[in-house]
């Protein structure tokens, strides 16, 4: 059943908040030259950054390069990070700018061939052979049908677990806009889930 793939952010909010505190502490320690903290910071957020840029960009081949570019930018400007927001939100803001810059760069060059769906990169980044894996892939299929702004808001808050305020900071829009986008994304996903399950119910 696909409905289990829809995440409940409430269930993991405490864990996410505690992890964010640790990640922010690592970022601040890394700013001071702690090499172990740099490794902890990068290791803790690499998967989230890769998933996020894979959702945003249209070229799955570029997901790894964009993630690497994000961390290079972040480590180069770490001395300016003061911990006023979580390090996760700060890093995802940098990732978003990296994707935007890649679009601008690509627009200035001729395209050599069509690019495959971004979903391929996201699927490759997922762990296989886990309970609910097929449901997760089904959710990614449904997410692909959402408008980009709603998909981004949903991914940031429901998949990556960012608070709405930090998702608004990453997306550079008011918090109310993020809430509206997430609500619309959820409504659309629920409608699509109902449609997907209707034939199975009729067959039963």
Protein backbone atom coordinates (compact mmCIF):
# COMPACT_ATOMS: atom_id res chain seq x y z
CA UNK A 1 0.00 0.00 0.00
CA UNK A 2 1.42 3.34 -1.09
CA UNK A 3 -0.04 5.56 1.64
CA UNK A 4 2.67 4.51 4.10
CA UNK A 5 5.19 6.32 1.91
CA UNK A 6 3.76 9.70 2.93
CA UNK A 7 6.04 10.78 5.81
CA UNK A 8 4.88 12.26 9.09
CA UNK A 9 7.31 14.98 10.05
CA UNK A 10 5.99 15.06 13.64
CA UNK A 11 7.31 11.58 14.41
CA UNK A 12 10.91 12.53 13.63
CA UNK A 13 10.94 16.20 14.61
CA UNK A 14 12.70 15.67 17.97
CA UNK A 15 15.38 13.47 16.42
CA UNK A 16 15.88 15.91 13.56
CA UNK A 17 16.19 18.86 15.95
CA UNK A 18 18.81 17.04 18.04
CA UNK A 19 20.74 16.06 14.92
CA UNK A 20 20.57 19.63 13.62
CA UNK A 21 22.04 20.89 16.89
CA UNK A 22 24.94 18.44 16.53
CA UNK A 23 25.50 19.35 12.88
CA UNK A 24 25.51 23.07 13.69
CA UNK A 25 28.03 22.43 16.50
CA UNK A 26 30.24 20.51 14.05
CA UNK A 27 30.03 23.37 11.55
CA UNK A 28 31.07 25.89 14.21
CA UNK A 29 33.94 23.63 15.31
CA UNK A 30 34.98 23.13 11.68
CA UNK A 31 35.03 26.90 11.28
CA UNK A 32 37.64 26.95 14.02
CA UNK A 33 39.85 24.46 12.16
CA UNK A 34 38.73 21.14 13.67
CA UNK A 35 39.32 18.62 10.83
CA UNK A 36 37.33 15.87 12.58
CA UNK A 37 34.36 18.24 12.79
CA UNK A 38 34.66 18.93 9.05
CA UNK A 39 34.34 15.19 8.35
CA UNK A 40 31.37 14.87 10.71
CA UNK A 41 29.65 17.90 9.15
CA UNK A 42 30.11 16.68 5.57
CA UNK A 43 29.21 13.08 6.40
CA UNK A 44 26.03 14.06 8.23
CA UNK A 45 24.64 16.19 5.40
CA UNK A 46 26.02 14.65 2.21
CA UNK A 47 22.97 12.43 1.59
CA UNK A 48 20.49 15.27 2.23
CA UNK A 49 22.38 17.62 -0.08
CA UNK A 50 22.56 15.03 -2.85
CA UNK A 51 18.84 14.21 -2.56
CA UNK A 52 17.95 17.90 -2.57
CA UNK A 53 19.98 18.82 -5.64
CA UNK A 54 18.69 15.71 -7.42
CA UNK A 55 15.15 16.96 -6.81
CA UNK A 56 15.99 20.42 -8.09
CA UNK A 57 18.21 19.76 -11.09
CA UNK A 58 17.18 18.22 -14.38
CA UNK A 59 20.37 16.27 -14.97
CA UNK A 60 20.99 13.18 -12.81
CA UNK A 61 24.58 13.07 -14.06
CA UNK A 62 25.11 16.44 -12.38
CA UNK A 63 23.79 15.50 -8.91
CA UNK A 64 27.15 14.35 -7.55
CA UNK A 65 28.97 17.32 -9.08
CA UNK A 66 26.43 19.74 -7.62
CA UNK A 67 26.72 18.14 -4.19
CA UNK A 68 30.50 18.41 -4.36
CA UNK A 69 30.25 22.03 -5.53
CA UNK A 70 27.91 22.76 -2.61
CA UNK A 71 30.38 21.46 -0.04
CA UNK A 72 33.32 23.25 -1.68
CA UNK A 73 31.37 26.51 -1.51
CA UNK A 74 30.29 25.84 2.07
CA UNK A 75 33.77 24.96 3.32
CA UNK A 76 35.17 28.00 1.55
CA UNK A 77 32.71 30.31 3.30
CA UNK A 78 32.50 28.45 6.62
CA UNK A 79 34.34 31.29 8.34
CA UNK A 80 31.21 33.41 7.77
CA UNK A 81 28.81 30.90 9.35
CA UNK A 82 27.77 32.17 12.79
CA UNK A 83 25.16 29.59 13.75
CA UNK A 84 22.19 31.99 13.60
CA UNK A 85 20.28 29.34 11.62
CA UNK A 86 20.90 25.60 11.54
CA UNK A 87 23.90 24.47 9.51
CA UNK A 88 21.54 22.23 7.52
CA UNK A 89 19.42 25.19 6.36
CA UNK A 90 22.55 27.22 5.63
CA UNK A 91 24.03 24.39 3.54
CA UNK A 92 20.80 23.73 1.63
CA UNK A 93 20.64 27.44 0.76
CA UNK A 94 24.10 27.08 -0.75
CA UNK A 95 22.97 23.94 -2.60
CA UNK A 96 20.03 25.84 -4.06
CA UNK A 97 22.34 28.59 -5.32
CA UNK A 98 24.67 25.97 -6.81
CA UNK A 99 21.76 24.49 -8.79
CA UNK A 100 20.62 27.93 -9.95
CA UNK A 101 24.16 28.78 -11.04
CA UNK A 102 24.38 25.48 -12.93
CA UNK A 103 21.16 26.36 -14.80
CA UNK A 104 22.58 29.75 -15.74
CA UNK A 105 25.81 28.14 -16.92
CA UNK A 106 23.93 25.49 -18.92
CA UNK A 107 21.70 28.13 -20.51
CA UNK A 108 24.79 29.83 -21.92
CA UNK A 109 25.94 26.61 -23.62
CA UNK A 110 24.31 24.54 -26.38
CA UNK A 111 22.72 21.28 -25.28
CA UNK A 112 24.39 18.20 -26.75
CA UNK A 113 21.60 15.75 -25.92
CA UNK A 114 18.38 15.38 -23.97
CA UNK A 115 18.84 14.67 -20.29
CA UNK A 116 17.02 11.82 -18.54
CA UNK A 117 14.63 12.31 -15.66
CA UNK A 118 16.01 13.60 -12.32
CA UNK A 119 14.27 10.68 -10.66
CA UNK A 120 17.03 8.30 -11.80
CA UNK A 121 19.54 10.16 -9.64
CA UNK A 122 17.20 10.13 -6.66
CA UNK A 123 16.55 6.39 -7.01
CA UNK A 124 20.29 5.68 -7.20
CA UNK A 125 20.78 7.65 -3.97
CA UNK A 126 18.21 5.53 -2.10
CA UNK A 127 19.09 2.41 -0.10
CA UNK A 128 17.69 -0.76 -1.70
CA UNK A 129 16.16 -3.88 -0.11
CA UNK A 130 14.62 -1.97 2.79
CA UNK A 131 11.01 -2.19 4.04
CA UNK A 132 8.93 0.39 2.21
CA UNK A 133 11.52 0.87 -0.56
CA UNK A 134 8.97 0.25 -3.33
CA UNK A 135 6.57 2.67 -1.65
CA UNK A 136 9.36 5.27 -1.56
CA UNK A 137 9.92 4.89 -5.30
CA UNK A 138 6.16 5.21 -5.85
CA UNK A 139 6.23 8.44 -3.83
CA UNK A 140 9.06 9.76 -6.01
CA UNK A 141 6.95 9.00 -9.09
CA UNK A 142 4.10 11.02 -7.59
CA UNK A 143 6.42 13.85 -6.55
CA UNK A 144 7.62 14.17 -10.15
CA UNK A 145 4.13 15.27 -11.15
CA UNK A 146 4.09 18.23 -8.73
CA UNK A 147 5.06 21.76 -9.79
CA UNK A 148 8.71 22.48 -8.93
CA UNK A 149 7.98 24.97 -6.12
CA UNK A 150 5.56 22.62 -4.36
CA UNK A 151 7.89 19.66 -4.80
CA UNK A 152 10.77 21.64 -3.31
CA UNK A 153 8.70 22.71 -0.28
CA UNK A 154 7.50 19.14 0.27
CA UNK A 155 10.99 17.66 -0.04
CA UNK A 156 12.52 20.22 2.35
CA UNK A 157 9.89 19.85 5.08
CA UNK A 158 8.54 16.32 4.74
CA UNK A 159 11.54 14.34 3.42
CA UNK A 160 14.50 16.30 4.77
CA UNK A 161 12.68 17.35 7.95
CA UNK A 162 13.42 21.09 7.92
CA UNK A 163 11.16 23.33 10.03
CA UNK A 164 8.96 25.58 7.91
CA UNK A 165 10.93 28.68 8.91
CA UNK A 166 14.18 27.16 7.70
CA UNK A 167 12.57 25.83 4.52
CA UNK A 168 11.36 29.38 3.84
CA UNK A 169 14.93 30.62 4.34
CA UNK A 170 16.28 28.01 1.92
CA UNK A 171 13.58 28.73 -0.67
CA UNK A 172 13.88 32.50 -0.22
CA UNK A 173 10.13 33.01 0.27
CA UNK A 174 7.73 33.77 3.17
CA UNK A 175 6.94 30.97 5.62
CA UNK A 176 3.25 31.22 4.72
CA UNK A 177 4.11 30.46 1.10
CA UNK A 178 5.99 27.32 2.16
CA UNK A 179 3.03 26.19 4.30
CA UNK A 180 0.66 26.77 1.37
CA UNK A 181 2.91 24.88 -1.05
CA UNK A 182 3.23 21.92 1.30
CA UNK A 183 -0.53 21.82 1.92
CA UNK A 184 -1.23 21.88 -1.82
CA UNK A 185 1.44 19.25 -2.46
CA UNK A 186 -0.09 16.98 0.20
CA UNK A 187 -3.59 17.45 -1.23
CA UNK A 188 -2.38 16.64 -4.74
CA UNK A 189 -0.45 13.59 -3.54
CA UNK A 190 -3.46 12.28 -1.62
CA UNK A 191 -5.64 12.69 -4.73
CA UNK A 192 -3.06 10.83 -6.82
CA UNK A 193 -2.83 8.07 -4.20
CA UNK A 194 -6.62 7.69 -4.23
CA UNK A 195 -6.57 7.41 -8.01
CA UNK A 196 -3.75 4.85 -7.90
CA UNK A 197 -5.54 2.68 -5.34
CA UNK A 198 -9.03 2.88 -6.87
CA UNK A 199 -8.43 0.24 -9.58
CA UNK A 200 -7.02 -2.19 -6.98
CA UNK A 201 -10.04 -1.65 -4.74
CA UNK A 202 -12.44 -2.25 -7.63
CA UNK A 203 -10.58 -5.43 -8.59
CA UNK A 204 -10.84 -6.71 -5.02
